[in-house]
Amino acid sequence: MNYSRQIAVEFNHCDPAGIVFYPRYFEMINSVVENFFADVAGRSFAALISAGEGVPAAQIDTRFQAPSRLGDRLDWQLLIVRVGGASLGLALEARGQAELRVACTLTVVFMVNGRPAPWPEDVRARLNQFKEAA
C-alpha cells in the first residue's frame, strides 16, 4: 500500500522563474511524512513533540528528475521500505501530470528525549501492517 498526498505548487515554493526551488521539495517531503505519521502511524508530530519524541531525518537521497512549476499539482506517494529497531526507511516520489519530478529515499529515526529509541509497539504494529499491505 502506498500513502498518497497531493500538494499544489504555490508561489512560496518557486524561484523568480516560477520553478520549484529545490529546498522546497524537502519541505513537501516533510509534509508528506508528517501527514503519514498522523494518518497511518497514529502519532501526529504535535503529539510526538509534546511527549519529548520525534522522527528526525537521518539520511535523505534525492533525485530531481524534471522541473515543477507554479500551479502544478504534485501527486506524492510514500512507501515503507524497511522498519528497523529505531529507524524507518521510506521511498517517496512526486509526479506531476504522470511525469516523475522528484524521487527520494529517506531514513527517519524514532527519538525520545534526543536519543534513538525502539518504536512503541503500537506504532511498530501500524508501520508493519502498512508495509505488509504493500
N, C-alpha and C. Protein backbone atom coordinates (compact mmCIF):
# COMPACT_ATOMS: atom_id res chain seq x y z
N MET A 1 0.84 -1.17 0.00
CA MET A 1 0.00 0.00 0.00
C MET A 1 0.89 1.24 0.00
N ASN A 2 0.52 2.21 -0.78
CA ASN A 2 1.22 3.50 -0.80
C ASN A 2 0.38 4.54 -0.08
N TYR A 3 1.05 5.45 0.58
CA TYR A 3 0.38 6.60 1.15
C TYR A 3 0.44 7.70 0.12
N SER A 4 -0.67 8.35 -0.15
CA SER A 4 -0.75 9.37 -1.19
C SER A 4 -1.15 10.71 -0.61
N ARG A 5 -0.60 11.75 -1.19
CA ARG A 5 -0.98 13.11 -0.82
C ARG A 5 -0.69 14.02 -2.00
N GLN A 6 -1.61 14.90 -2.30
CA GLN A 6 -1.40 15.86 -3.39
C GLN A 6 -1.03 17.22 -2.79
N ILE A 7 -0.01 17.84 -3.38
CA ILE A 7 0.42 19.16 -2.95
C ILE A 7 0.46 20.07 -4.18
N ALA A 8 -0.22 21.19 -4.08
CA ALA A 8 -0.21 22.18 -5.16
C ALA A 8 1.05 23.02 -5.04
N VAL A 9 1.70 23.27 -6.17
CA VAL A 9 2.87 24.14 -6.18
C VAL A 9 2.38 25.58 -6.10
N GLU A 10 2.78 26.25 -5.04
CA GLU A 10 2.37 27.62 -4.78
C GLU A 10 3.53 28.59 -5.02
N PHE A 11 3.20 29.86 -5.03
CA PHE A 11 4.19 30.91 -5.23
C PHE A 11 5.36 30.78 -4.26
N ASN A 12 5.06 30.45 -3.00
CA ASN A 12 6.11 30.35 -1.98
C ASN A 12 7.07 29.20 -2.23
N HIS A 13 6.74 28.26 -3.10
CA HIS A 13 7.62 27.15 -3.43
C HIS A 13 8.61 27.49 -4.54
N CYS A 14 8.39 28.61 -5.24
CA CYS A 14 9.08 28.87 -6.51
C CYS A 14 10.15 29.94 -6.43
N ASP A 15 11.09 29.82 -7.37
CA ASP A 15 12.09 30.86 -7.58
C ASP A 15 11.49 31.92 -8.51
N PRO A 16 12.22 32.98 -8.83
CA PRO A 16 11.65 34.03 -9.68
C PRO A 16 11.22 33.56 -11.07
N ALA A 17 11.73 32.41 -11.53
CA ALA A 17 11.34 31.89 -12.84
C ALA A 17 10.05 31.06 -12.76
N GLY A 18 9.50 30.90 -11.55
CA GLY A 18 8.27 30.13 -11.40
C GLY A 18 8.49 28.63 -11.33
N ILE A 19 9.75 28.21 -11.07
CA ILE A 19 10.10 26.79 -10.95
C ILE A 19 10.34 26.49 -9.47
N VAL A 20 9.94 25.30 -9.02
CA VAL A 20 10.14 24.94 -7.62
C VAL A 20 11.63 25.04 -7.28
N PHE A 21 11.92 25.82 -6.25
CA PHE A 21 13.27 25.96 -5.72
C PHE A 21 13.55 24.69 -4.92
N TYR A 22 14.62 23.97 -5.24
CA TYR A 22 14.81 22.61 -4.75
C TYR A 22 14.67 22.43 -3.24
N PRO A 23 15.08 23.37 -2.36
CA PRO A 23 14.86 23.13 -0.93
C PRO A 23 13.38 23.00 -0.57
N ARG A 24 12.50 23.58 -1.38
CA ARG A 24 11.06 23.49 -1.09
C ARG A 24 10.54 22.07 -1.25
N TYR A 25 11.22 21.27 -2.09
CA TYR A 25 10.84 19.86 -2.19
C TYR A 25 11.04 19.17 -0.84
N PHE A 26 12.09 19.54 -0.10
CA PHE A 26 12.32 18.93 1.20
C PHE A 26 11.22 19.30 2.19
N GLU A 27 10.69 20.51 2.06
CA GLU A 27 9.53 20.88 2.89
C GLU A 27 8.32 20.05 2.52
N MET A 28 8.12 19.80 1.23
CA MET A 28 7.00 18.97 0.79
C MET A 28 7.18 17.53 1.27
N ILE A 29 8.41 17.02 1.18
CA ILE A 29 8.69 15.66 1.66
C ILE A 29 8.35 15.57 3.14
N ASN A 30 8.78 16.55 3.92
CA ASN A 30 8.47 16.55 5.34
C ASN A 30 6.96 16.60 5.58
N SER A 31 6.25 17.36 4.78
CA SER A 31 4.79 17.45 4.92
C SER A 31 4.14 16.09 4.66
N VAL A 32 4.60 15.38 3.64
CA VAL A 32 4.05 14.05 3.35
C VAL A 32 4.33 13.11 4.51
N VAL A 33 5.56 13.13 5.02
CA VAL A 33 5.93 12.26 6.15
C VAL A 33 5.12 12.63 7.39
N GLU A 34 4.98 13.91 7.66
CA GLU A 34 4.22 14.35 8.83
C GLU A 34 2.77 13.88 8.75
N ASN A 35 2.15 14.02 7.60
CA ASN A 35 0.77 13.57 7.45
C ASN A 35 0.66 12.05 7.50
N PHE A 36 1.66 11.34 6.96
CA PHE A 36 1.70 9.88 7.05
C PHE A 36 1.71 9.43 8.52
N PHE A 37 2.53 10.08 9.33
CA PHE A 37 2.58 9.69 10.74
C PHE A 37 1.24 9.92 11.43
N ALA A 38 0.58 11.02 11.13
CA ALA A 38 -0.73 11.30 11.74
C ALA A 38 -1.78 10.31 11.24
N ASP A 39 -1.81 10.06 9.93
CA ASP A 39 -2.87 9.26 9.33
C ASP A 39 -2.65 7.75 9.46
N VAL A 40 -1.41 7.29 9.41
CA VAL A 40 -1.13 5.85 9.37
C VAL A 40 -0.50 5.35 10.66
N ALA A 41 0.53 6.03 11.14
CA ALA A 41 1.24 5.56 12.33
C ALA A 41 0.50 5.89 13.62
N GLY A 42 -0.49 6.76 13.53
CA GLY A 42 -1.30 7.08 14.70
C GLY A 42 -0.65 8.06 15.66
N ARG A 43 0.39 8.76 15.21
CA ARG A 43 1.06 9.75 16.05
C ARG A 43 1.32 11.01 15.23
N SER A 44 0.65 12.08 15.55
CA SER A 44 0.92 13.35 14.88
C SER A 44 2.26 13.89 15.38
N PHE A 45 2.88 14.73 14.58
CA PHE A 45 4.12 15.35 15.02
C PHE A 45 3.87 16.17 16.28
N ALA A 46 2.71 16.80 16.39
CA ALA A 46 2.38 17.58 17.59
C ALA A 46 2.38 16.68 18.83
N ALA A 47 1.78 15.50 18.70
CA ALA A 47 1.74 14.56 19.84
C ALA A 47 3.14 14.05 20.16
N LEU A 48 3.93 13.74 19.12
CA LEU A 48 5.30 13.27 19.35
C LEU A 48 6.11 14.33 20.10
N ILE A 49 6.08 15.54 19.60
CA ILE A 49 6.89 16.60 20.19
C ILE A 49 6.47 16.90 21.62
N SER A 50 5.16 16.92 21.87
CA SER A 50 4.69 17.21 23.24
C SER A 50 5.08 16.10 24.22
N ALA A 51 5.37 14.89 23.69
CA ALA A 51 5.79 13.78 24.54
C ALA A 51 7.32 13.65 24.63
N GLY A 52 8.04 14.64 24.05
CA GLY A 52 9.50 14.58 24.06
C GLY A 52 10.06 13.60 23.04
N GLU A 53 9.24 13.28 22.03
CA GLU A 53 9.63 12.33 20.99
C GLU A 53 9.76 13.05 19.66
N GLY A 54 10.26 12.35 18.66
CA GLY A 54 10.36 12.91 17.32
C GLY A 54 10.85 11.87 16.34
N VAL A 55 10.82 12.22 15.06
CA VAL A 55 11.31 11.33 14.00
C VAL A 55 12.12 12.15 13.00
N PRO A 56 13.28 12.65 13.42
CA PRO A 56 14.09 13.45 12.51
C PRO A 56 14.69 12.59 11.39
N ALA A 57 15.01 13.25 10.30
CA ALA A 57 15.66 12.59 9.18
C ALA A 57 17.12 12.32 9.53
N ALA A 58 17.57 11.10 9.25
CA ALA A 58 18.97 10.74 9.44
C ALA A 58 19.71 10.70 8.11
N GLN A 59 18.98 10.40 7.04
CA GLN A 59 19.59 10.36 5.71
C GLN A 59 18.51 10.60 4.68
N ILE A 60 18.88 11.33 3.63
CA ILE A 60 17.96 11.54 2.52
C ILE A 60 18.78 11.60 1.22
N ASP A 61 18.37 10.79 0.27
CA ASP A 61 18.98 10.77 -1.06
C ASP A 61 17.90 11.16 -2.04
N THR A 62 18.17 12.18 -2.84
CA THR A 62 17.14 12.76 -3.70
C THR A 62 17.61 12.89 -5.13
N ARG A 63 16.69 12.58 -6.05
CA ARG A 63 16.92 12.78 -7.48
C ARG A 63 15.86 13.74 -7.99
N PHE A 64 16.31 14.80 -8.61
CA PHE A 64 15.41 15.78 -9.21
C PHE A 64 15.33 15.43 -10.70
N GLN A 65 14.17 14.95 -11.14
CA GLN A 65 14.03 14.41 -12.49
C GLN A 65 13.59 15.44 -13.52
N ALA A 66 12.65 16.28 -13.13
CA ALA A 66 12.09 17.27 -14.06
C ALA A 66 11.56 18.44 -13.23
N PRO A 67 11.54 19.63 -13.81
CA PRO A 67 11.08 20.79 -13.04
C PRO A 67 9.57 20.77 -12.81
N SER A 68 9.19 21.34 -11.68
CA SER A 68 7.78 21.59 -11.39
C SER A 68 7.59 23.09 -11.38
N ARG A 69 6.41 23.51 -11.82
CA ARG A 69 6.16 24.93 -11.98
C ARG A 69 4.94 25.39 -11.17
N LEU A 70 4.91 26.69 -10.94
CA LEU A 70 3.80 27.31 -10.24
C LEU A 70 2.48 26.84 -10.86
N GLY A 71 1.58 26.38 -10.01
CA GLY A 71 0.27 25.91 -10.46
C GLY A 71 0.19 24.41 -10.69
N ASP A 72 1.33 23.71 -10.76
CA ASP A 72 1.31 22.25 -10.90
C ASP A 72 0.71 21.62 -9.66
N ARG A 73 0.16 20.46 -9.83
CA ARG A 73 -0.29 19.64 -8.70
C ARG A 73 0.58 18.40 -8.68
N LEU A 74 1.28 18.20 -7.56
CA LEU A 74 2.18 17.08 -7.44
C LEU A 74 1.51 15.97 -6.64
N ASP A 75 1.49 14.79 -7.23
CA ASP A 75 0.94 13.62 -6.57
C ASP A 75 2.09 12.85 -5.91
N TRP A 76 2.12 12.93 -4.60
CA TRP A 76 3.18 12.29 -3.81
C TRP A 76 2.76 10.89 -3.41
N GLN A 77 3.69 9.97 -3.45
CA GLN A 77 3.48 8.60 -2.99
C GLN A 77 4.58 8.26 -2.00
N LEU A 78 4.23 7.61 -0.90
CA LEU A 78 5.17 7.19 0.12
C LEU A 78 5.02 5.69 0.30
N LEU A 79 6.14 4.99 0.36
CA LEU A 79 6.16 3.55 0.55
C LEU A 79 7.16 3.23 1.65
N ILE A 80 6.81 2.34 2.56
CA ILE A 80 7.76 1.90 3.58
C ILE A 80 8.67 0.85 2.96
N VAL A 81 9.97 1.08 3.08
CA VAL A 81 10.97 0.14 2.56
C VAL A 81 11.44 -0.79 3.67
N ARG A 82 11.60 -0.25 4.89
CA ARG A 82 12.15 -1.03 5.98
C ARG A 82 11.71 -0.45 7.32
N VAL A 83 11.34 -1.35 8.23
CA VAL A 83 11.06 -0.95 9.62
C VAL A 83 12.18 -1.54 10.46
N GLY A 84 13.03 -0.67 11.01
CA GLY A 84 14.14 -1.13 11.84
C GLY A 84 13.81 -1.00 13.32
N GLY A 85 14.81 -1.23 14.15
CA GLY A 85 14.60 -1.14 15.59
C GLY A 85 14.16 0.24 16.03
N ALA A 86 14.87 1.27 15.55
CA ALA A 86 14.52 2.66 15.86
C ALA A 86 14.38 3.48 14.59
N SER A 87 14.65 2.88 13.44
CA SER A 87 14.63 3.63 12.18
C SER A 87 13.50 3.16 11.27
N LEU A 88 13.26 3.98 10.27
CA LEU A 88 12.22 3.68 9.28
C LEU A 88 12.74 4.14 7.92
N GLY A 89 12.82 3.22 6.98
CA GLY A 89 13.24 3.55 5.62
C GLY A 89 12.02 3.80 4.74
N LEU A 90 12.02 4.93 4.07
CA LEU A 90 10.89 5.32 3.23
C LEU A 90 11.37 5.63 1.81
N ALA A 91 10.50 5.41 0.85
CA ALA A 91 10.73 5.83 -0.53
C ALA A 91 9.57 6.76 -0.89
N LEU A 92 9.90 7.92 -1.42
CA LEU A 92 8.88 8.89 -1.83
C LEU A 92 9.14 9.32 -3.26
N GLU A 93 8.06 9.60 -3.96
CA GLU A 93 8.20 10.22 -5.27
C GLU A 93 7.01 11.13 -5.51
N ALA A 94 7.27 12.13 -6.36
CA ALA A 94 6.23 13.08 -6.73
C ALA A 94 6.12 13.08 -8.24
N ARG A 95 4.89 13.06 -8.71
CA ARG A 95 4.62 13.12 -10.14
C ARG A 95 3.69 14.29 -10.41
N GLY A 96 3.94 14.93 -11.51
CA GLY A 96 3.07 15.98 -11.99
C GLY A 96 2.65 15.62 -13.40
N GLN A 97 1.36 15.52 -13.62
CA GLN A 97 0.83 15.10 -14.93
C GLN A 97 1.49 13.80 -15.36
N ALA A 98 1.61 12.84 -14.41
CA ALA A 98 2.16 11.50 -14.61
C ALA A 98 3.67 11.48 -14.86
N GLU A 99 4.33 12.64 -14.89
CA GLU A 99 5.77 12.71 -15.11
C GLU A 99 6.49 12.73 -13.75
N LEU A 100 7.49 11.86 -13.60
CA LEU A 100 8.27 11.85 -12.37
C LEU A 100 9.04 13.15 -12.24
N ARG A 101 8.83 13.84 -11.13
CA ARG A 101 9.51 15.12 -10.89
C ARG A 101 10.65 14.98 -9.89
N VAL A 102 10.40 14.26 -8.80
CA VAL A 102 11.42 14.09 -7.76
C VAL A 102 11.18 12.74 -7.09
N ALA A 103 12.30 12.09 -6.72
CA ALA A 103 12.23 10.81 -6.01
C ALA A 103 13.29 10.82 -4.92
N CYS A 104 12.97 10.21 -3.79
CA CYS A 104 13.95 10.16 -2.72
C CYS A 104 13.78 8.92 -1.88
N THR A 105 14.87 8.55 -1.23
CA THR A 105 14.81 7.58 -0.14
C THR A 105 15.18 8.34 1.12
N LEU A 106 14.51 8.01 2.18
CA LEU A 106 14.62 8.77 3.42
C LEU A 106 14.66 7.80 4.59
N THR A 107 15.55 8.04 5.53
CA THR A 107 15.57 7.29 6.78
C THR A 107 15.27 8.26 7.91
N VAL A 108 14.26 7.93 8.69
CA VAL A 108 13.95 8.70 9.91
C VAL A 108 14.23 7.79 11.11
N VAL A 109 14.49 8.42 12.24
CA VAL A 109 14.82 7.68 13.46
C VAL A 109 13.89 8.13 14.57
N PHE A 110 13.29 7.17 15.27
CA PHE A 110 12.44 7.49 16.41
C PHE A 110 13.34 7.90 17.57
N MET A 111 13.07 9.07 18.13
CA MET A 111 13.88 9.62 19.21
C MET A 111 12.99 9.91 20.43
N VAL A 112 13.55 9.65 21.59
CA VAL A 112 12.91 10.02 22.85
C VAL A 112 13.93 10.83 23.63
N ASN A 113 13.56 12.06 23.96
CA ASN A 113 14.46 12.97 24.68
C ASN A 113 15.83 13.07 24.01
N GLY A 114 15.83 13.14 22.68
CA GLY A 114 17.06 13.36 21.94
C GLY A 114 17.92 12.13 21.69
N ARG A 115 17.42 10.95 22.03
CA ARG A 115 18.19 9.71 21.85
C ARG A 115 17.35 8.70 21.06
N PRO A 116 18.00 7.92 20.18
CA PRO A 116 17.26 6.87 19.46
C PRO A 116 16.64 5.89 20.46
N ALA A 117 15.44 5.43 20.12
CA ALA A 117 14.72 4.50 20.99
C ALA A 117 13.91 3.55 20.11
N PRO A 118 13.61 2.36 20.62
CA PRO A 118 12.77 1.43 19.85
C PRO A 118 11.39 2.04 19.59
N TRP A 119 10.82 1.68 18.44
CA TRP A 119 9.47 2.13 18.13
C TRP A 119 8.50 1.64 19.19
N PRO A 120 7.55 2.47 19.64
CA PRO A 120 6.49 1.97 20.52
C PRO A 120 5.75 0.83 19.80
N GLU A 121 5.34 -0.16 20.54
CA GLU A 121 4.72 -1.35 19.94
C GLU A 121 3.52 -1.02 19.06
N ASP A 122 2.67 -0.07 19.48
CA ASP A 122 1.50 0.26 18.67
C ASP A 122 1.91 0.90 17.34
N VAL A 123 2.94 1.73 17.37
CA VAL A 123 3.41 2.37 16.14
C VAL A 123 4.07 1.33 15.25
N ARG A 124 4.93 0.47 15.82
CA ARG A 124 5.59 -0.58 15.04
C ARG A 124 4.54 -1.47 14.35
N ALA A 125 3.49 -1.83 15.08
CA ALA A 125 2.44 -2.69 14.51
C ALA A 125 1.78 -1.99 13.32
N ARG A 126 1.47 -0.72 13.46
CA ARG A 126 0.83 0.01 12.36
C ARG A 126 1.76 0.13 11.15
N LEU A 127 3.04 0.41 11.41
CA LEU A 127 4.01 0.53 10.32
C LEU A 127 4.17 -0.80 9.59
N ASN A 128 4.29 -1.90 10.35
CA ASN A 128 4.43 -3.21 9.72
C ASN A 128 3.17 -3.61 8.95
N GLN A 129 2.02 -3.31 9.50
CA GLN A 129 0.76 -3.62 8.81
C GLN A 129 0.68 -2.85 7.49
N PHE A 130 1.06 -1.59 7.52
CA PHE A 130 1.04 -0.77 6.29
C PHE A 130 2.04 -1.33 5.28
N LYS A 131 3.23 -1.68 5.75
CA LYS A 131 4.28 -2.22 4.86
C LYS A 131 3.82 -3.53 4.23
N GLU A 132 3.24 -4.41 5.03
CA GLU A 132 2.79 -5.71 4.52
C GLU A 132 1.65 -5.56 3.51
N ALA A 133 0.86 -4.53 3.66
CA ALA A 133 -0.25 -4.30 2.71
C ALA A 133 0.27 -3.90 1.34
N ALA A 134 1.53 -3.45 1.30
CA ALA A 134 2.14 -3.07 0.02
C ALA A 134 2.36 -4.33 -0.75
